[in-house]
Amino acid sequence: MENNFKVRVSPIDINSKRRIANAAIKKDVETYLAARPKGSTTIYSVMDAFGCNNYATEVGTTTRKDSTGAVIYKGKYMALWEKRDGKWMCIRDIGNDDEKKK
C-alpha cells in the first residue's frame, strides 16, 4: 500500500493542520516517518471496505507497537482509493487517535 500512496493526497488529521501543497505533504510524511520509534511496527487492520467502479473506501484501525511488542498508539482511519491506469491509488485519507484513558 505504501508504494501506492501518492504525495498528491491531502491528509486531514484531527491533531494537526491541513497540508495542501505537494511539498508540504511530502515533508510532513517524511517527518512523521523519521519520528517513529526505532524498531516500532505499524499494523493497519481493515474493518470495512466498500465502493463501486473506480472508487473504494477503506475504514480501519491503526496499532503501533514498540520494539518489545508493547502497544504505544491506537487510532482509526478512512482512506479513499481511486483506480487509475489499472492501479489503485490512495487519493484521500483521514485519521485520528483513539481517546486517551483517563
N, C-alpha and C. Protein backbone atom coordinates (compact mmCIF):
# COMPACT_ATOMS: atom_id res chain seq x y z
N MET A 1 0.82 -1.18 0.00
CA MET A 1 0.00 0.00 0.00
C MET A 1 0.87 1.24 0.00
N GLU A 2 1.99 1.23 0.69
CA GLU A 2 2.84 2.40 0.81
C GLU A 2 3.28 2.93 -0.55
N ASN A 3 3.59 2.05 -1.51
CA ASN A 3 4.02 2.47 -2.83
C ASN A 3 2.92 3.16 -3.61
N ASN A 4 1.67 2.88 -3.28
CA ASN A 4 0.54 3.48 -3.99
C ASN A 4 0.02 4.74 -3.32
N PHE A 5 0.61 5.13 -2.22
CA PHE A 5 0.15 6.32 -1.51
C PHE A 5 0.83 7.53 -2.13
N LYS A 6 0.12 8.21 -3.01
CA LYS A 6 0.69 9.34 -3.74
C LYS A 6 0.79 10.57 -2.86
N VAL A 7 1.82 11.37 -3.11
CA VAL A 7 2.02 12.60 -2.35
C VAL A 7 0.92 13.62 -2.66
N ARG A 8 0.15 13.39 -3.72
CA ARG A 8 -0.93 14.30 -4.09
C ARG A 8 -2.10 14.26 -3.13
N VAL A 9 -2.17 13.28 -2.26
CA VAL A 9 -3.29 13.24 -1.33
C VAL A 9 -3.24 14.44 -0.41
N SER A 10 -4.36 14.80 0.12
CA SER A 10 -4.46 15.94 1.03
C SER A 10 -4.93 15.43 2.38
N PRO A 11 -4.01 14.98 3.25
CA PRO A 11 -4.41 14.42 4.54
C PRO A 11 -5.05 15.47 5.44
N ILE A 12 -6.08 15.07 6.16
CA ILE A 12 -6.70 15.94 7.15
C ILE A 12 -6.64 15.18 8.46
N ASP A 13 -5.76 15.58 9.34
CA ASP A 13 -5.56 14.89 10.61
C ASP A 13 -6.14 15.77 11.70
N ILE A 14 -6.96 15.19 12.57
CA ILE A 14 -7.61 15.96 13.61
C ILE A 14 -6.60 16.62 14.55
N ASN A 15 -5.39 16.08 14.60
CA ASN A 15 -4.38 16.58 15.51
C ASN A 15 -3.40 17.56 14.88
N SER A 16 -3.64 17.98 13.65
CA SER A 16 -2.74 18.92 13.01
C SER A 16 -3.46 19.68 11.92
N LYS A 17 -2.78 20.69 11.39
CA LYS A 17 -3.40 21.49 10.34
C LYS A 17 -3.42 20.73 9.02
N ARG A 18 -4.25 21.17 8.11
CA ARG A 18 -4.35 20.54 6.79
C ARG A 18 -3.16 20.95 5.93
N ARG A 19 -2.59 19.95 5.25
CA ARG A 19 -1.48 20.21 4.33
C ARG A 19 -2.04 20.17 2.91
N ILE A 20 -1.70 21.19 2.11
CA ILE A 20 -2.28 21.28 0.78
C ILE A 20 -1.23 21.08 -0.31
N ALA A 21 -0.16 21.82 -0.29
CA ALA A 21 0.84 21.76 -1.35
C ALA A 21 1.61 20.45 -1.30
N ASN A 22 1.97 19.92 -2.46
CA ASN A 22 2.69 18.64 -2.53
C ASN A 22 3.95 18.65 -1.67
N ALA A 23 4.73 19.73 -1.70
CA ALA A 23 5.96 19.79 -0.93
C ALA A 23 5.66 19.73 0.57
N ALA A 24 4.60 20.40 1.02
CA ALA A 24 4.24 20.38 2.44
C ALA A 24 3.80 18.99 2.87
N ILE A 25 3.04 18.31 2.03
CA ILE A 25 2.58 16.96 2.34
C ILE A 25 3.77 16.00 2.40
N LYS A 26 4.66 16.09 1.42
CA LYS A 26 5.83 15.21 1.39
C LYS A 26 6.70 15.43 2.62
N LYS A 27 6.93 16.69 3.00
CA LYS A 27 7.76 16.99 4.17
C LYS A 27 7.10 16.44 5.43
N ASP A 28 5.79 16.59 5.55
CA ASP A 28 5.07 16.10 6.71
C ASP A 28 5.18 14.58 6.83
N VAL A 29 5.01 13.87 5.72
CA VAL A 29 5.11 12.41 5.74
C VAL A 29 6.54 11.98 6.11
N GLU A 30 7.54 12.64 5.54
CA GLU A 30 8.93 12.30 5.86
C GLU A 30 9.23 12.55 7.33
N THR A 31 8.74 13.66 7.88
CA THR A 31 8.95 13.99 9.30
C THR A 31 8.27 12.95 10.19
N TYR A 32 7.04 12.57 9.83
CA TYR A 32 6.30 11.56 10.59
C TYR A 32 7.05 10.23 10.59
N LEU A 33 7.51 9.79 9.42
CA LEU A 33 8.21 8.51 9.34
C LEU A 33 9.52 8.53 10.10
N ALA A 34 10.25 9.65 10.06
CA ALA A 34 11.53 9.76 10.76
C ALA A 34 11.35 9.78 12.27
N ALA A 35 10.20 10.26 12.75
CA ALA A 35 9.97 10.39 14.19
C ALA A 35 9.47 9.11 14.84
N ARG A 36 9.10 8.11 14.05
CA ARG A 36 8.62 6.86 14.64
C ARG A 36 9.74 6.22 15.44
N PRO A 37 9.41 5.65 16.60
CA PRO A 37 10.44 4.99 17.41
C PRO A 37 11.13 3.87 16.62
N LYS A 38 12.45 3.80 16.77
CA LYS A 38 13.22 2.77 16.07
C LYS A 38 12.73 1.38 16.51
N GLY A 39 12.53 0.52 15.53
CA GLY A 39 12.09 -0.84 15.82
C GLY A 39 10.58 -0.98 15.98
N SER A 40 9.85 0.13 15.86
CA SER A 40 8.39 0.04 16.01
C SER A 40 7.76 -0.50 14.73
N THR A 41 6.58 -1.07 14.87
CA THR A 41 5.84 -1.57 13.73
C THR A 41 4.43 -0.97 13.76
N THR A 42 3.86 -0.77 12.59
CA THR A 42 2.50 -0.25 12.48
C THR A 42 1.64 -1.27 11.77
N ILE A 43 0.49 -1.57 12.36
CA ILE A 43 -0.44 -2.54 11.81
C ILE A 43 -1.72 -1.82 11.42
N TYR A 44 -2.09 -1.94 10.14
CA TYR A 44 -3.35 -1.38 9.66
C TYR A 44 -4.33 -2.54 9.53
N SER A 45 -5.43 -2.48 10.25
CA SER A 45 -6.45 -3.53 10.21
C SER A 45 -7.68 -2.98 9.51
N VAL A 46 -8.01 -3.53 8.35
CA VAL A 46 -9.18 -3.10 7.60
C VAL A 46 -10.43 -3.65 8.27
N MET A 47 -11.34 -2.76 8.64
CA MET A 47 -12.58 -3.16 9.30
C MET A 47 -13.74 -3.21 8.31
N ASP A 48 -13.67 -2.39 7.25
CA ASP A 48 -14.73 -2.34 6.26
C ASP A 48 -14.16 -1.78 4.97
N ALA A 49 -14.71 -2.20 3.87
CA ALA A 49 -14.32 -1.68 2.56
C ALA A 49 -15.55 -1.74 1.66
N PHE A 50 -15.76 -0.67 0.91
CA PHE A 50 -16.90 -0.62 0.00
C PHE A 50 -16.59 0.34 -1.14
N GLY A 51 -17.29 0.19 -2.22
CA GLY A 51 -17.07 1.07 -3.35
C GLY A 51 -17.78 0.57 -4.59
N CYS A 52 -17.53 1.27 -5.69
CA CYS A 52 -18.07 0.86 -6.98
C CYS A 52 -17.21 1.47 -8.09
N ASN A 53 -17.19 0.77 -9.21
CA ASN A 53 -16.42 1.21 -10.38
C ASN A 53 -14.98 1.50 -10.03
N ASN A 54 -14.55 2.74 -10.13
CA ASN A 54 -13.15 3.10 -9.93
C ASN A 54 -12.85 3.72 -8.56
N TYR A 55 -13.79 3.61 -7.61
CA TYR A 55 -13.58 4.19 -6.28
C TYR A 55 -13.85 3.16 -5.20
N ALA A 56 -13.08 3.21 -4.14
CA ALA A 56 -13.28 2.34 -2.98
C ALA A 56 -12.94 3.11 -1.72
N THR A 57 -13.67 2.83 -0.66
CA THR A 57 -13.41 3.43 0.64
C THR A 57 -12.99 2.33 1.59
N GLU A 58 -11.94 2.60 2.33
CA GLU A 58 -11.41 1.65 3.32
C GLU A 58 -11.50 2.30 4.70
N VAL A 59 -12.01 1.56 5.67
CA VAL A 59 -12.13 2.04 7.04
C VAL A 59 -11.42 1.04 7.94
N GLY A 60 -10.60 1.54 8.85
CA GLY A 60 -9.88 0.60 9.69
C GLY A 60 -9.27 1.21 10.93
N THR A 61 -8.47 0.40 11.60
CA THR A 61 -7.78 0.83 12.81
C THR A 61 -6.27 0.75 12.59
N THR A 62 -5.57 1.53 13.38
CA THR A 62 -4.11 1.57 13.34
C THR A 62 -3.59 1.23 14.72
N THR A 63 -2.64 0.31 14.79
CA THR A 63 -1.99 -0.03 16.05
C THR A 63 -0.49 0.04 15.84
N ARG A 64 0.21 0.79 16.69
CA ARG A 64 1.67 0.85 16.60
C ARG A 64 2.24 0.20 17.86
N LYS A 65 3.25 -0.65 17.63
CA LYS A 65 3.92 -1.34 18.74
C LYS A 65 5.38 -0.97 18.75
N ASP A 66 5.96 -0.90 19.96
CA ASP A 66 7.39 -0.62 20.06
C ASP A 66 8.18 -1.90 19.78
N SER A 67 9.49 -1.82 19.91
CA SER A 67 10.35 -2.96 19.56
C SER A 67 10.12 -4.17 20.46
N THR A 68 9.49 -3.96 21.64
CA THR A 68 9.21 -5.10 22.53
C THR A 68 7.83 -5.70 22.28
N GLY A 69 7.04 -5.06 21.41
CA GLY A 69 5.70 -5.54 21.12
C GLY A 69 4.61 -4.86 21.93
N ALA A 70 4.99 -3.92 22.79
CA ALA A 70 4.01 -3.18 23.59
C ALA A 70 3.30 -2.15 22.71
N VAL A 71 1.99 -2.05 22.87
CA VAL A 71 1.20 -1.08 22.10
C VAL A 71 1.52 0.32 22.60
N ILE A 72 1.92 1.20 21.66
CA ILE A 72 2.24 2.58 22.02
C ILE A 72 1.30 3.59 21.38
N TYR A 73 0.43 3.12 20.48
CA TYR A 73 -0.51 4.02 19.82
C TYR A 73 -1.66 3.22 19.23
N LYS A 74 -2.86 3.79 19.33
CA LYS A 74 -4.03 3.21 18.68
C LYS A 74 -4.84 4.35 18.07
N GLY A 75 -5.36 4.09 16.88
CA GLY A 75 -6.18 5.10 16.22
C GLY A 75 -7.06 4.45 15.17
N LYS A 76 -7.70 5.30 14.37
CA LYS A 76 -8.55 4.81 13.30
C LYS A 76 -8.35 5.68 12.07
N TYR A 77 -8.76 5.17 10.92
CA TYR A 77 -8.55 5.89 9.67
C TYR A 77 -9.64 5.57 8.66
N MET A 78 -9.71 6.42 7.65
CA MET A 78 -10.56 6.18 6.49
C MET A 78 -9.76 6.64 5.28
N ALA A 79 -9.75 5.83 4.24
CA ALA A 79 -9.00 6.15 3.02
C ALA A 79 -9.89 6.00 1.80
N LEU A 80 -9.75 6.92 0.86
CA LEU A 80 -10.47 6.86 -0.41
C LEU A 80 -9.48 6.47 -1.49
N TRP A 81 -9.79 5.41 -2.21
CA TRP A 81 -8.93 4.89 -3.27
C TRP A 81 -9.58 5.12 -4.63
N GLU A 82 -8.75 5.39 -5.63
CA GLU A 82 -9.22 5.56 -7.00
C GLU A 82 -8.38 4.68 -7.92
N LYS A 83 -9.03 3.99 -8.84
CA LYS A 83 -8.32 3.15 -9.80
C LYS A 83 -7.90 4.02 -10.98
N ARG A 84 -6.58 4.11 -11.20
CA ARG A 84 -6.02 4.91 -12.28
C ARG A 84 -5.07 4.04 -13.10
N ASP A 85 -5.33 3.94 -14.38
CA ASP A 85 -4.48 3.14 -15.27
C ASP A 85 -4.30 1.72 -14.74
N GLY A 86 -5.37 1.16 -14.18
CA GLY A 86 -5.33 -0.22 -13.70
C GLY A 86 -4.73 -0.40 -12.32
N LYS A 87 -4.31 0.68 -11.65
CA LYS A 87 -3.70 0.58 -10.32
C LYS A 87 -4.53 1.38 -9.32
N TRP A 88 -4.68 0.83 -8.12
CA TRP A 88 -5.40 1.53 -7.06
C TRP A 88 -4.46 2.51 -6.37
N MET A 89 -4.88 3.79 -6.27
CA MET A 89 -4.09 4.84 -5.63
C MET A 89 -4.92 5.46 -4.51
N CYS A 90 -4.30 5.67 -3.37
CA CYS A 90 -4.98 6.36 -2.27
C CYS A 90 -4.96 7.85 -2.60
N ILE A 91 -6.14 8.45 -2.72
CA ILE A 91 -6.20 9.86 -3.10
C ILE A 91 -6.61 10.77 -1.93
N ARG A 92 -7.17 10.22 -0.88
CA ARG A 92 -7.51 10.98 0.32
C ARG A 92 -7.47 10.05 1.51
N ASP A 93 -7.07 10.60 2.66
CA ASP A 93 -7.17 9.82 3.89
C ASP A 93 -7.33 10.74 5.07
N ILE A 94 -7.90 10.20 6.12
CA ILE A 94 -8.09 10.94 7.37
C ILE A 94 -7.93 9.94 8.50
N GLY A 95 -7.38 10.39 9.61
CA GLY A 95 -7.21 9.51 10.74
C GLY A 95 -7.10 10.31 12.02
N ASN A 96 -7.34 9.66 13.13
CA ASN A 96 -7.15 10.31 14.42
C ASN A 96 -6.88 9.28 15.51
N ASP A 97 -6.38 9.79 16.62
CA ASP A 97 -6.04 8.95 17.77
C ASP A 97 -7.30 8.43 18.44
N ASP A 98 -7.19 7.28 19.08
CA ASP A 98 -8.26 6.84 19.97
C ASP A 98 -8.20 7.72 21.21
N GLU A 99 -9.33 7.76 21.92
CA GLU A 99 -9.40 8.56 23.12
C GLU A 99 -8.41 8.01 24.16
N LYS A 100 -7.69 8.91 24.79
CA LYS A 100 -6.73 8.51 25.83
C LYS A 100 -7.50 8.10 27.08
N LYS A 101 -7.02 7.07 27.77
CA LYS A 101 -7.65 6.65 29.02
C LYS A 101 -7.43 7.72 30.08
N LYS A 102 -8.46 7.95 30.88
CA LYS A 102 -8.37 8.99 31.92
C LYS A 102 -8.02 8.40 33.24
